[in-house]
Every structure is written in structure tokens, then in C-alpha cells.
């Protein structure tokens, strides 16, 4: 499983509890694109929710909480 640099940015914001709208504003992308990145993370991390994605990423050592 390989995450893109943008997915890692989105993941870090997810870990902070950011909404798609906040992620979009922070990264200068559309809300649709933010939602796409979140969906991609859920798929790559085999997660069922945003919280689950962060938990999986932490267990894998992708992010430090």
C-alpha cells in the first residue's frame, strides 16, 4: 500500500478531525477532490470510516498520533 504525498496530507488532516470542506480549503482543492482523496484512503487502508482509516494508518506506522 502506497499513499501519495497528497493522500498523506489529507490523512494528517483527517487525524485532526477535519471535514472534507476544511480539507479542501486548507489544501486549495475542491470539496469533491477532498472527498475523492478520503475515499481513496479508505480503500487503500481497508477502512470503513474516517476514524478507522486514521487508526489503521497509525497501526501501520504511516502516521504518528
N, C-alpha and C. Protein backbone atom coordinates (compact mmCIF):
# COMPACT_ATOMS: atom_id res chain seq x y z
N UNK A 1 0.84 -1.18 0.00
CA UNK A 1 0.00 0.00 0.00
C UNK A 1 0.88 1.24 0.00
N UNK A 2 0.70 2.05 -0.99
CA UNK A 2 1.48 3.27 -1.13
C UNK A 2 0.53 4.46 -1.17
N UNK A 3 0.80 5.44 -0.32
CA UNK A 3 -0.01 6.65 -0.31
C UNK A 3 0.74 7.76 -1.01
N UNK A 4 0.00 8.57 -1.75
CA UNK A 4 0.60 9.71 -2.43
C UNK A 4 0.89 10.81 -1.41
N UNK A 5 1.76 11.74 -1.77
CA UNK A 5 2.01 12.86 -0.85
C UNK A 5 0.71 13.60 -0.49
N UNK A 6 -0.19 13.77 -1.44
CA UNK A 6 -1.46 14.46 -1.17
C UNK A 6 -2.32 13.64 -0.22
N UNK A 7 -2.35 12.32 -0.41
CA UNK A 7 -3.12 11.47 0.50
C UNK A 7 -2.57 11.55 1.92
N UNK A 8 -1.26 11.66 2.05
CA UNK A 8 -0.66 11.81 3.38
C UNK A 8 -1.07 13.13 4.02
N UNK A 9 -1.16 14.19 3.21
CA UNK A 9 -1.64 15.48 3.73
C UNK A 9 -3.08 15.36 4.20
N UNK A 10 -3.91 14.71 3.39
CA UNK A 10 -5.32 14.52 3.74
C UNK A 10 -5.43 13.66 5.00
N UNK A 11 -4.63 12.63 5.08
CA UNK A 11 -4.65 11.74 6.24
C UNK A 11 -4.30 12.51 7.52
N UNK A 12 -3.30 13.36 7.44
CA UNK A 12 -2.92 14.17 8.61
C UNK A 12 -4.08 15.05 9.06
N UNK A 13 -4.80 15.62 8.10
CA UNK A 13 -5.95 16.45 8.44
C UNK A 13 -7.10 15.61 8.99
N UNK A 14 -7.27 14.41 8.45
CA UNK A 14 -8.29 13.50 8.99
C UNK A 14 -7.98 13.19 10.45
N UNK A 15 -6.72 12.99 10.76
CA UNK A 15 -6.31 12.68 12.13
C UNK A 15 -6.65 13.83 13.08
N UNK A 16 -6.74 15.04 12.54
CA UNK A 16 -7.12 16.21 13.33
C UNK A 16 -8.64 16.36 13.41
N UNK A 17 -9.37 15.49 12.69
CA UNK A 17 -10.82 15.57 12.71
C UNK A 17 -11.41 16.52 11.68
N UNK A 18 -10.64 16.86 10.67
CA UNK A 18 -11.08 17.83 9.66
C UNK A 18 -12.18 17.27 8.76
N UNK A 19 -13.10 18.14 8.40
CA UNK A 19 -14.16 17.78 7.45
C UNK A 19 -13.62 17.90 6.03
N UNK A 20 -14.37 17.36 5.07
CA UNK A 20 -13.97 17.48 3.67
C UNK A 20 -13.87 18.95 3.27
N UNK A 21 -14.81 19.75 3.75
CA UNK A 21 -14.81 21.18 3.41
C UNK A 21 -13.55 21.87 3.96
N UNK A 22 -13.17 21.54 5.18
CA UNK A 22 -11.97 22.11 5.78
C UNK A 22 -10.73 21.65 5.04
N UNK A 23 -10.67 20.36 4.73
CA UNK A 23 -9.54 19.80 3.98
C UNK A 23 -9.39 20.53 2.65
N UNK A 24 -10.51 20.71 1.96
CA UNK A 24 -10.49 21.39 0.66
C UNK A 24 -9.93 22.81 0.80
N UNK A 25 -10.43 23.54 1.79
CA UNK A 25 -9.97 24.92 1.99
C UNK A 25 -8.49 24.95 2.35
N UNK A 26 -8.07 24.08 3.24
CA UNK A 26 -6.67 24.07 3.70
C UNK A 26 -5.71 23.74 2.56
N UNK A 27 -6.11 22.79 1.69
CA UNK A 27 -5.21 22.34 0.62
C UNK A 27 -5.43 23.06 -0.71
N UNK A 28 -6.43 23.93 -0.77
CA UNK A 28 -6.69 24.68 -2.00
C UNK A 28 -7.23 23.79 -3.12
N UNK A 29 -8.08 22.83 -2.73
CA UNK A 29 -8.69 21.93 -3.71
C UNK A 29 -10.20 22.00 -3.55
N UNK A 30 -10.92 21.39 -4.47
CA UNK A 30 -12.38 21.39 -4.36
C UNK A 30 -12.82 20.38 -3.30
N UNK A 31 -14.03 20.57 -2.80
CA UNK A 31 -14.59 19.62 -1.84
C UNK A 31 -14.72 18.25 -2.48
N UNK A 32 -15.07 18.23 -3.76
CA UNK A 32 -15.18 16.96 -4.49
C UNK A 32 -13.84 16.23 -4.49
N UNK A 33 -12.77 16.95 -4.75
CA UNK A 33 -11.43 16.34 -4.78
C UNK A 33 -11.04 15.85 -3.39
N UNK A 34 -11.36 16.62 -2.36
CA UNK A 34 -11.08 16.19 -0.99
C UNK A 34 -11.82 14.89 -0.69
N UNK A 35 -13.08 14.82 -1.09
CA UNK A 35 -13.88 13.62 -0.88
C UNK A 35 -13.27 12.44 -1.64
N UNK A 36 -12.77 12.69 -2.84
CA UNK A 36 -12.11 11.65 -3.63
C UNK A 36 -10.89 11.10 -2.89
N UNK A 37 -10.07 12.00 -2.34
CA UNK A 37 -8.87 11.58 -1.61
C UNK A 37 -9.24 10.78 -0.36
N UNK A 38 -10.26 11.20 0.35
CA UNK A 38 -10.71 10.47 1.54
C UNK A 38 -11.16 9.07 1.13
N UNK A 39 -11.93 8.98 0.05
CA UNK A 39 -12.39 7.68 -0.44
C UNK A 39 -11.23 6.77 -0.82
N UNK A 40 -10.24 7.35 -1.46
CA UNK A 40 -9.05 6.60 -1.85
C UNK A 40 -8.32 6.07 -0.61
N UNK A 41 -8.22 6.92 0.42
CA UNK A 41 -7.58 6.49 1.67
C UNK A 41 -8.35 5.34 2.31
N UNK A 42 -9.67 5.45 2.34
CA UNK A 42 -10.48 4.39 2.93
C UNK A 42 -10.25 3.08 2.22
N UNK A 43 -10.18 3.15 0.90
CA UNK A 43 -9.95 1.94 0.11
C UNK A 43 -8.55 1.37 0.35
N UNK A 44 -7.54 2.21 0.25
CA UNK A 44 -6.16 1.74 0.40
C UNK A 44 -5.88 1.20 1.80
N UNK A 45 -6.52 1.78 2.80
CA UNK A 45 -6.29 1.36 4.17
C UNK A 45 -7.29 0.31 4.62
N UNK A 46 -8.17 -0.09 3.71
CA UNK A 46 -9.20 -1.09 4.01
C UNK A 46 -9.99 -0.69 5.26
N UNK A 47 -10.41 0.57 5.25
CA UNK A 47 -11.11 1.15 6.40
C UNK A 47 -12.59 1.37 6.08
N UNK A 48 -13.40 1.36 7.13
CA UNK A 48 -14.84 1.55 6.95
C UNK A 48 -15.30 2.95 7.30
N UNK A 49 -14.40 3.74 7.89
CA UNK A 49 -14.74 5.12 8.25
C UNK A 49 -13.47 5.96 8.29
N UNK A 50 -13.66 7.24 8.45
CA UNK A 50 -12.52 8.15 8.54
C UNK A 50 -11.67 7.82 9.79
N UNK A 51 -12.35 7.58 10.90
CA UNK A 51 -11.66 7.24 12.14
C UNK A 51 -10.91 5.92 12.00
N UNK A 52 -11.54 4.98 11.34
CA UNK A 52 -10.92 3.68 11.10
C UNK A 52 -9.67 3.84 10.24
N UNK A 53 -9.73 4.72 9.25
CA UNK A 53 -8.59 4.97 8.37
C UNK A 53 -7.41 5.51 9.18
N UNK A 54 -7.68 6.45 10.07
CA UNK A 54 -6.62 7.02 10.90
C UNK A 54 -6.04 5.94 11.82
N UNK A 55 -6.91 5.12 12.41
CA UNK A 55 -6.45 4.06 13.29
C UNK A 55 -5.58 3.05 12.54
N UNK A 56 -6.03 2.65 11.34
CA UNK A 56 -5.24 1.72 10.53
C UNK A 56 -3.87 2.32 10.19
N UNK A 57 -3.88 3.59 9.78
CA UNK A 57 -2.63 4.26 9.40
C UNK A 57 -1.68 4.34 10.58
N UNK A 58 -2.21 4.59 11.77
CA UNK A 58 -1.37 4.66 12.97
C UNK A 58 -0.78 3.29 13.28
N UNK A 59 -1.58 2.25 13.18
CA UNK A 59 -1.08 0.89 13.45
C UNK A 59 0.00 0.50 12.45
N UNK A 60 -0.14 0.96 11.20
CA UNK A 60 0.85 0.65 10.17
C UNK A 60 2.10 1.52 10.25
N UNK A 61 2.06 2.51 11.11
CA UNK A 61 3.20 3.42 11.25
C UNK A 61 3.25 4.49 10.17
N UNK A 62 2.14 4.68 9.46
CA UNK A 62 2.09 5.70 8.40
C UNK A 62 2.02 7.09 9.01
N UNK A 63 1.32 7.21 10.13
CA UNK A 63 1.24 8.48 10.85
C UNK A 63 1.49 8.22 12.33
N UNK A 64 1.92 9.24 13.01
CA UNK A 64 2.11 9.17 14.46
C UNK A 64 1.07 10.06 15.12
N UNK A 65 0.38 9.49 16.07
CA UNK A 65 -0.66 10.24 16.78
C UNK A 65 -0.14 10.76 18.11
